[in-house]
Amino acid sequence: TRIPNPLYNSSAEEFTVNFWVKPVSRSKWGDIFSLFEGTTPTANRGRFYITDNSYIGYNGGAGWFDINHPDTVTYYDIPLGKWSMVTLTASSSGVQLYVNGYPHAAKRWNSGTGGTEDDFNYTGMISDINNYPYMYFGTGSWWGSSECYLSNLQVFDRSLGESDIQALKAQPAYIRGDANGDGEVGMPDVMFVVNYILGTPAATFNEKNADANLDGEIGMPDVMFID
């Protein structure tokens, strides 16, 4: 999926990207999210990306770096088959990954640009990314896509602190069809919608999620959509 980059042509000096992801299968290299220089991902364009393996990479006008490159280390901190909130912050002092509101503890850094992680030109990286017209989901790294579900994208033109990120985690996630709010979509959600139609909604019934066909109403079409 390709959407306009909200940071494009901005003067942002830092940013945060926050979204929910549910990996369906494991991939050593599969891309979840990227900011990309061109209109179609190709090998000769700048990019900033994260894979379902907690691998973050940047290659652009300010140089390049890898964090947790899969040939060096593998961190499956984004659980398989479950919804997790993933947050990336970037500022002049560096890049930080959060999973479900907490900083990713382990970090293996390498770069061909020279210097250490603390020396990298993050200001130049952010300026570079501000010139990327598009944001991608499921593509944009060098090696292809991750098989996953994605939801609830939020982009901020500042680097959120840990308390802000945990506040985002506390907000209920929108998952289309998840009428009972358990983070999954299946037959229990069908029963929740049917009970709502019959006039006996459960206390935990989620009306926003239950409108699965997005017609503004809750009824049998939503049951058919979920089923």
C-alpha atoms as a PDB file:
ATOM      1  CA  THR A   1       0.000   0.000   0.000  1.00  0.00           C
ATOM      2  CA  ARG A   2       1.324   3.443  -0.942  1.00  0.00           C
ATOM      3  CA  ILE A   3       0.114   6.686   0.644  1.00  0.00           C
ATOM      4  CA  PRO A   4       1.453  10.263   0.579  1.00  0.00           C
ATOM      5  CA  ASN A   5       4.198  10.921   3.112  1.00  0.00           C
ATOM      6  CA  PRO A   6       2.751  13.370   5.685  1.00  0.00           C
ATOM      7  CA  LEU A   7       6.283  14.697   6.260  1.00  0.00           C
ATOM      8  CA  TYR A   8       6.844  15.512   2.576  1.00  0.00           C
ATOM      9  CA  ASN A   9       8.073  19.073   1.958  1.00  0.00           C
ATOM     10  CA  SER A  10       7.876  19.785   5.691  1.00  0.00           C
ATOM     11  CA  SER A  11      10.490  21.370   7.922  1.00  0.00           C
ATOM     12  CA  ALA A  12      10.126  18.656  10.570  1.00  0.00           C
ATOM     13  CA  GLU A  13      13.339  18.075  12.515  1.00  0.00           C
ATOM     14  CA  GLU A  14      12.066  14.865  14.121  1.00  0.00           C
ATOM     15  CA  PHE A  15       9.169  12.460  13.663  1.00  0.00           C
ATOM     16  CA  THR A  16       7.281   9.471  15.047  1.00  0.00           C
ATOM     17  CA  VAL A  17       5.464   6.743  13.130  1.00  0.00           C
ATOM     18  CA  ASN A  18       3.041   4.600  15.122  1.00  0.00           C
ATOM     19  CA  PHE A  19       0.926   1.684  13.869  1.00  0.00           C
ATOM     20  CA  TRP A  20      -0.476  -1.713  14.830  1.00  0.00           C
ATOM     21  CA  VAL A  21       0.771  -4.858  13.103  1.00  0.00           C
ATOM     22  CA  LYS A  22      -0.110  -8.550  13.212  1.00  0.00           C
ATOM     23  CA  PRO A  23       2.474 -10.741  11.421  1.00  0.00           C
ATOM     24  CA  VAL A  24       0.959 -13.846   9.851  1.00  0.00           C
ATOM     25  CA  SER A  25       4.244 -15.616   9.132  1.00  0.00           C
ATOM     26  CA  ARG A  26       7.930 -15.090   9.852  1.00  0.00           C
ATOM     27  CA  SER A  27      10.288 -13.556   7.343  1.00  0.00           C
ATOM     28  CA  LYS A  28      13.961 -12.836   7.855  1.00  0.00           C
ATOM     29  CA  TRP A  29      13.765  -9.772   5.617  1.00  0.00           C
ATOM     30  CA  GLY A  30      10.058  -8.972   5.120  1.00  0.00           C
ATOM     31  CA  ASP A  31       9.292  -5.260   5.125  1.00  0.00           C
ATOM     32  CA  ILE A  32       6.402  -3.869   7.200  1.00  0.00           C
ATOM     33  CA  PHE A  33       6.783  -0.140   6.691  1.00  0.00           C
ATOM     34  CA  SER A  34       8.963   2.245   4.719  1.00  0.00           C
ATOM     35  CA  LEU A  35       9.462   5.828   3.681  1.00  0.00           C
ATOM     36  CA  PHE A  36      10.740   5.831   0.125  1.00  0.00           C
ATOM     37  CA  GLU A  37      12.189   8.369  -2.279  1.00  0.00           C
ATOM     38  CA  GLY A  38      10.606   7.215  -5.544  1.00  0.00           C
ATOM     39  CA  THR A  39       7.168   6.386  -6.869  1.00  0.00           C
ATOM     40  CA  THR A  40       8.046   2.696  -7.153  1.00  0.00           C
ATOM     41  CA  PRO A  41      10.571   0.928  -4.885  1.00  0.00           C
ATOM     42  CA  THR A  42      13.754   0.153  -6.817  1.00  0.00           C
ATOM     43  CA  ALA A  43      17.286  -0.630  -5.724  1.00  0.00           C
ATOM     44  CA  ASN A  44      18.712   2.819  -6.502  1.00  0.00           C
ATOM     45  CA  ARG A  45      16.429   4.987  -4.353  1.00  0.00           C
ATOM     46  CA  GLY A  46      16.702   6.273  -0.785  1.00  0.00           C
ATOM     47  CA  ARG A  47      14.669   4.536   1.885  1.00  0.00           C
ATOM     48  CA  PHE A  48      13.976   4.124   5.596  1.00  0.00           C
ATOM     49  CA  TYR A  49      12.292   0.877   6.644  1.00  0.00           C
ATOM     50  CA  ILE A  50      11.482  -1.678   9.340  1.00  0.00           C
ATOM     51  CA  THR A  51      10.904  -5.417   8.931  1.00  0.00           C
ATOM     52  CA  ASP A  52       8.867  -7.869  11.029  1.00  0.00           C
ATOM     53  CA  ASN A  53      12.236  -8.990  12.425  1.00  0.00           C
ATOM     54  CA  SER A  54      12.800  -5.675  14.289  1.00  0.00           C
ATOM     55  CA  TYR A  55      15.391  -4.742  11.658  1.00  0.00           C
ATOM     56  CA  ILE A  56      15.585  -1.005  10.881  1.00  0.00           C
ATOM     57  CA  GLY A  57      17.521   0.332   7.921  1.00  0.00           C
ATOM     58  CA  TYR A  58      18.255   3.660   6.272  1.00  0.00           C
ATOM     59  CA  ASN A  59      20.065   4.293   3.001  1.00  0.00           C
ATOM     60  CA  GLY A  60      19.929   7.791   1.559  1.00  0.00           C
ATOM     61  CA  GLY A  61      21.546  11.154   1.167  1.00  0.00           C
ATOM     62  CA  ALA A  62      22.969  11.187   4.707  1.00  0.00           C
ATOM     63  CA  GLY A  63      24.648   7.766   4.385  1.00  0.00           C
ATOM     64  CA  TRP A  64      23.365   4.436   5.655  1.00  0.00           C
ATOM     65  CA  PHE A  65      22.930   2.375   8.802  1.00  0.00           C
ATOM     66  CA  ASP A  66      21.481  -0.959   9.892  1.00  0.00           C
ATOM     67  CA  ILE A  67      19.991  -1.704  13.298  1.00  0.00           C
ATOM     68  CA  ASN A  68      19.620  -5.422  14.067  1.00  0.00           C
ATOM     69  CA  HIS A  69      20.621  -6.559  10.573  1.00  0.00           C
ATOM     70  CA  PRO A  70      19.310 -10.146  10.188  1.00  0.00           C
ATOM     71  CA  ASP A  71      22.738 -11.469   9.187  1.00  0.00           C
ATOM     72  CA  THR A  72      24.011 -10.240  12.559  1.00  0.00           C
ATOM     73  CA  VAL A  73      21.185 -10.868  14.998  1.00  0.00           C
ATOM     74  CA  THR A  74      17.508 -11.885  14.935  1.00  0.00           C
ATOM     75  CA  TYR A  75      14.992 -10.372  17.332  1.00  0.00           C
ATOM     76  CA  TYR A  76      11.408 -11.596  17.039  1.00  0.00           C
ATOM     77  CA  ASP A  77      10.054  -9.045  19.493  1.00  0.00           C
ATOM     78  CA  ILE A  78       6.984  -8.380  17.345  1.00  0.00           C
ATOM     79  CA  PRO A  79       4.871 -11.441  18.249  1.00  0.00           C
ATOM     80  CA  LEU A  80       3.563 -13.725  15.525  1.00  0.00           C
ATOM     81  CA  GLY A  81      -0.214 -13.984  15.183  1.00  0.00           C
ATOM     82  CA  LYS A  82      -0.963 -11.149  17.631  1.00  0.00           C
ATOM     83  CA  TRP A  83      -1.651  -7.443  17.270  1.00  0.00           C
ATOM     84  CA  SER A  84       1.212  -5.291  18.555  1.00  0.00           C
ATOM     85  CA  MET A  85       1.764  -1.560  18.546  1.00  0.00           C
ATOM     86  CA  VAL A  86       5.023  -0.592  16.834  1.00  0.00           C
ATOM     87  CA  THR A  87       6.482   2.893  17.247  1.00  0.00           C
ATOM     88  CA  LEU A  88       9.514   4.423  15.557  1.00  0.00           C
ATOM     89  CA  THR A  89      10.915   7.750  16.724  1.00  0.00           C
ATOM     90  CA  ALA A  90      13.637   9.740  14.980  1.00  0.00           C
ATOM     91  CA  SER A  91      15.421  12.897  16.091  1.00  0.00           C
ATOM     92  CA  SER A  92      18.851  14.491  15.876  1.00  0.00           C
ATOM     93  CA  SER A  93      20.001  12.153  18.658  1.00  0.00           C
ATOM     94  CA  GLY A  94      18.984   8.886  16.987  1.00  0.00           C
ATOM     95  CA  VAL A  95      16.317   6.329  16.103  1.00  0.00           C
ATOM     96  CA  GLN A  96      14.379   4.317  18.683  1.00  0.00           C
ATOM     97  CA  LEU A  97      12.011   1.380  18.235  1.00  0.00           C
ATOM     98  CA  TYR A  98       9.199   0.685  20.715  1.00  0.00           C
ATOM     99  CA  VAL A  99       7.037  -2.450  20.816  1.00  0.00           C
ATOM    100  CA  ASN A 100       3.778  -2.234  22.768  1.00  0.00           C
ATOM    101  CA  GLY A 101       4.846   1.012  24.393  1.00  0.00           C
ATOM    102  CA  TYR A 102       8.295  -0.012  25.622  1.00  0.00           C
ATOM    103  CA  PRO A 103      11.755   0.590  24.120  1.00  0.00           C
ATOM    104  CA  HIS A 104      13.270  -2.259  22.171  1.00  0.00           C
ATOM    105  CA  ALA A 105      16.004  -3.320  24.584  1.00  0.00           C
ATOM    106  CA  ALA A 106      18.578  -4.879  22.263  1.00  0.00           C
ATOM    107  CA  LYS A 107      20.240  -2.908  19.480  1.00  0.00           C
ATOM    108  CA  ARG A 108      23.037  -3.978  17.129  1.00  0.00           C
ATOM    109  CA  TRP A 109      24.318  -1.051  15.045  1.00  0.00           C
ATOM    110  CA  ASN A 110      26.476  -0.973  11.947  1.00  0.00           C
ATOM    111  CA  SER A 111      27.137   1.552   9.200  1.00  0.00           C
ATOM    112  CA  GLY A 112      29.520   2.067   6.300  1.00  0.00           C
ATOM    113  CA  THR A 113      29.392   5.834   6.772  1.00  0.00           C
ATOM    114  CA  GLY A 114      32.009   5.834   9.513  1.00  0.00           C
ATOM    115  CA  GLY A 115      31.868   6.771  13.171  1.00  0.00           C
ATOM    116  CA  THR A 116      29.601   5.349  15.834  1.00  0.00           C
ATOM    117  CA  GLU A 117      25.839   5.287  16.312  1.00  0.00           C
ATOM    118  CA  ASP A 118      26.060   8.557  18.245  1.00  0.00           C
ATOM    119  CA  ASP A 119      28.001  10.231  15.420  1.00  0.00           C
ATOM    120  CA  PHE A 120      25.539   9.538  12.607  1.00  0.00           C
ATOM    121  CA  ASN A 121      23.990  12.497  10.761  1.00  0.00           C
ATOM    122  CA  TYR A 122      20.364  11.936  11.848  1.00  0.00           C
ATOM    123  CA  THR A 123      19.467  15.561  11.063  1.00  0.00           C
ATOM    124  CA  GLY A 124      20.544  14.944   7.475  1.00  0.00           C
ATOM    125  CA  MET A 125      18.567  11.692   7.420  1.00  0.00           C
ATOM    126  CA  ILE A 126      15.354  13.434   8.533  1.00  0.00           C
ATOM    127  CA  SER A 127      15.904  16.231   6.018  1.00  0.00           C
ATOM    128  CA  ASP A 128      16.345  13.548   3.364  1.00  0.00           C
ATOM    129  CA  ILE A 129      13.137  11.764   4.406  1.00  0.00           C
ATOM    130  CA  ASN A 130      11.227  15.074   4.260  1.00  0.00           C
ATOM    131  CA  ASN A 131      11.877  14.933   0.503  1.00  0.00           C
ATOM    132  CA  TYR A 132      10.371  11.459   0.088  1.00  0.00           C
ATOM    133  CA  PRO A 133       6.872  11.797  -1.424  1.00  0.00           C
ATOM    134  CA  TYR A 134       5.530   8.410  -0.351  1.00  0.00           C
ATOM    135  CA  MET A 135       5.089   6.072   2.596  1.00  0.00           C
ATOM    136  CA  TYR A 136       4.678   2.353   1.964  1.00  0.00           C
ATOM    137  CA  PHE A 137       3.300  -0.635   3.848  1.00  0.00           C
ATOM    138  CA  GLY A 138       4.465  -4.104   2.839  1.00  0.00           C
ATOM    139  CA  THR A 139       7.299  -2.953   0.590  1.00  0.00           C
ATOM    140  CA  GLY A 140      10.228  -0.562   0.388  1.00  0.00           C
ATOM    141  CA  SER A 141      13.131  -2.533   1.831  1.00  0.00           C
ATOM    142  CA  TRP A 142      15.621  -4.261  -0.449  1.00  0.00           C
ATOM    143  CA  TRP A 143      14.088  -7.719  -0.159  1.00  0.00           C
ATOM    144  CA  GLY A 144      10.294  -7.721  -0.356  1.00  0.00           C
ATOM    145  CA  SER A 145       7.347  -7.764   1.974  1.00  0.00           C
ATOM    146  CA  SER A 146       6.094  -9.181   5.247  1.00  0.00           C
ATOM    147  CA  GLU A 147       2.862 -11.156   5.346  1.00  0.00           C
ATOM    148  CA  CYS A 148       0.947  -9.190   7.955  1.00  0.00           C
ATOM    149  CA  TYR A 149      -2.094  -7.114   8.825  1.00  0.00           C
ATOM    150  CA  LEU A 150      -1.680  -3.399   9.551  1.00  0.00           C
ATOM    151  CA  SER A 151      -3.955  -0.845  11.208  1.00  0.00           C
ATOM    152  CA  ASN A 152      -4.188   2.527  12.970  1.00  0.00           C
ATOM    153  CA  LEU A 153      -1.365   4.506  11.358  1.00  0.00           C
ATOM    154  CA  GLN A 154      -0.367   7.731  13.126  1.00  0.00           C
ATOM    155  CA  VAL A 155       2.423  10.101  12.043  1.00  0.00           C
ATOM    156  CA  PHE A 156       3.732  12.927  14.236  1.00  0.00           C
ATOM    157  CA  ASP A 157       6.179  15.687  13.349  1.00  0.00           C
ATOM    158  CA  ARG A 158       7.943  15.282  16.684  1.00  0.00           C
ATOM    159  CA  SER A 159       9.688  12.514  18.581  1.00  0.00           C
ATOM    160  CA  LEU A 160       7.250  11.215  21.184  1.00  0.00           C
ATOM    161  CA  GLY A 161       8.478  10.363  24.666  1.00  0.00           C
ATOM    162  CA  GLU A 162       7.874   7.017  26.344  1.00  0.00           C
ATOM    163  CA  SER A 163       4.912   8.286  28.394  1.00  0.00           C
ATOM    164  CA  ASP A 164       3.237   9.601  25.216  1.00  0.00           C
ATOM    165  CA  ILE A 165       3.766   6.280  23.482  1.00  0.00           C
ATOM    166  CA  GLN A 166       2.326   4.329  26.400  1.00  0.00           C
ATOM    167  CA  ALA A 167      -0.701   6.637  26.327  1.00  0.00           C
ATOM    168  CA  LEU A 168      -1.190   5.664  22.674  1.00  0.00           C
ATOM    169  CA  LYS A 169      -0.982   2.012  23.684  1.00  0.00           C
ATOM    170  CA  ALA A 170      -3.771   2.569  26.234  1.00  0.00           C
ATOM    171  CA  GLN A 171      -6.151   3.725  23.484  1.00  0.00           C
ATOM    172  CA  PRO A 172      -8.305   0.887  22.118  1.00  0.00           C
ATOM    173  CA  ALA A 173      -7.144  -0.227  18.682  1.00  0.00           C
ATOM    174  CA  TYR A 174      -9.551  -0.096  15.743  1.00  0.00           C
ATOM    175  CA  ILE A 175      -9.742  -3.553  14.168  1.00  0.00           C
ATOM    176  CA  ARG A 176     -12.408  -3.846  11.498  1.00  0.00           C
ATOM    177  CA  GLY A 177     -14.870  -6.596  12.443  1.00  0.00           C
ATOM    178  CA  ASP A 178     -13.536  -7.128  15.981  1.00  0.00           C
ATOM    179  CA  ALA A 179     -16.936  -6.565  17.608  1.00  0.00           C
ATOM    180  CA  ASN A 180     -15.944  -8.062  20.965  1.00  0.00           C
ATOM    181  CA  GLY A 181     -12.651  -6.155  21.174  1.00  0.00           C
ATOM    182  CA  ASP A 182     -10.409  -9.152  21.842  1.00  0.00           C
ATOM    183  CA  GLY A 183      -7.932  -8.296  19.085  1.00  0.00           C
ATOM    184  CA  GLU A 184      -9.104 -11.086  16.762  1.00  0.00           C
ATOM    185  CA  VAL A 185     -11.832 -11.369  14.125  1.00  0.00           C
ATOM    186  CA  GLY A 186     -13.921 -14.554  14.015  1.00  0.00           C
ATOM    187  CA  MET A 187     -17.135 -16.305  15.037  1.00  0.00           C
ATOM    188  CA  PRO A 188     -17.297 -14.710  18.527  1.00  0.00           C
ATOM    189  CA  ASP A 189     -17.578 -11.343  16.757  1.00  0.00           C
ATOM    190  CA  VAL A 190     -20.430 -12.692  14.627  1.00  0.00           C
ATOM    191  CA  MET A 191     -22.327 -13.620  17.794  1.00  0.00           C
ATOM    192  CA  PHE A 192     -21.684 -10.178  19.279  1.00  0.00           C
ATOM    193  CA  VAL A 193     -23.174  -8.509  16.207  1.00  0.00           C
ATOM    194  CA  VAL A 194     -26.154 -10.904  16.125  1.00  0.00           C
ATOM    195  CA  ASN A 195     -26.890 -10.195  19.795  1.00  0.00           C
ATOM    196  CA  TYR A 196     -26.701  -6.475  19.076  1.00  0.00           C
ATOM    197  CA  ILE A 197     -29.205  -6.864  16.235  1.00  0.00           C
ATOM    198  CA  LEU A 198     -31.512  -8.839  18.558  1.00  0.00           C
ATOM    199  CA  GLY A 199     -31.394  -6.022  21.099  1.00  0.00           C
ATOM    200  CA  THR A 200     -29.141  -7.687  23.673  1.00  0.00           C
ATOM    201  CA  PRO A 201     -25.684  -6.147  23.105  1.00  0.00           C
ATOM    202  CA  ALA A 202     -22.852  -7.252  25.367  1.00  0.00           C
ATOM    203  CA  ALA A 203     -21.275  -4.686  27.680  1.00  0.00           C
ATOM    204  CA  THR A 204     -18.007  -4.957  25.744  1.00  0.00           C
ATOM    205  CA  PHE A 205     -19.638  -4.559  22.310  1.00  0.00           C
ATOM    206  CA  ASN A 206     -17.480  -2.283  20.111  1.00  0.00           C
ATOM    207  CA  GLU A 207     -19.758  -0.409  17.695  1.00  0.00           C
ATOM    208  CA  LYS A 208     -16.960   1.109  15.633  1.00  0.00           C
ATOM    209  CA  ASN A 209     -15.307  -2.243  14.994  1.00  0.00           C
ATOM    210  CA  ALA A 210     -18.659  -3.960  14.437  1.00  0.00           C
ATOM    211  CA  ASP A 211     -19.458  -1.826  11.377  1.00  0.00           C
ATOM    212  CA  ALA A 212     -17.351  -4.218   9.321  1.00  0.00           C
ATOM    213  CA  ASN A 213     -18.678  -3.208   5.901  1.00  0.00           C
ATOM    214  CA  LEU A 214     -18.216   0.513   6.692  1.00  0.00           C
ATOM    215  CA  ASP A 215     -21.747   1.557   5.695  1.00  0.00           C
ATOM    216  CA  GLY A 216     -22.398   3.471   8.931  1.00  0.00           C
ATOM    217  CA  GLU A 217     -24.887   0.904  10.230  1.00  0.00           C
ATOM    218  CA  ILE A 218     -24.683  -2.379  12.138  1.00  0.00           C
ATOM    219  CA  GLY A 219     -26.721  -5.239  10.735  1.00  0.00           C
ATOM    220  CA  MET A 220     -26.668  -8.553   8.887  1.00  0.00           C
ATOM    221  CA  PRO A 221     -24.335  -7.249   6.135  1.00  0.00           C
ATOM    222  CA  ASP A 222     -21.703  -6.875   8.861  1.00  0.00           C
ATOM    223  CA  VAL A 223     -22.325 -10.480   9.984  1.00  0.00           C
ATOM    224  CA  MET A 224     -21.803 -11.655   6.406  1.00  0.00           C
ATOM    225  CA  PHE A 225     -18.655  -9.539   6.082  1.00  0.00           C
ATOM    226  CA  ILE A 226     -17.088 -10.918   9.272  1.00  0.00           C
ATOM    227  CA  ASP A 227     -18.073 -14.493   8.468  1.00  0.00           C
END
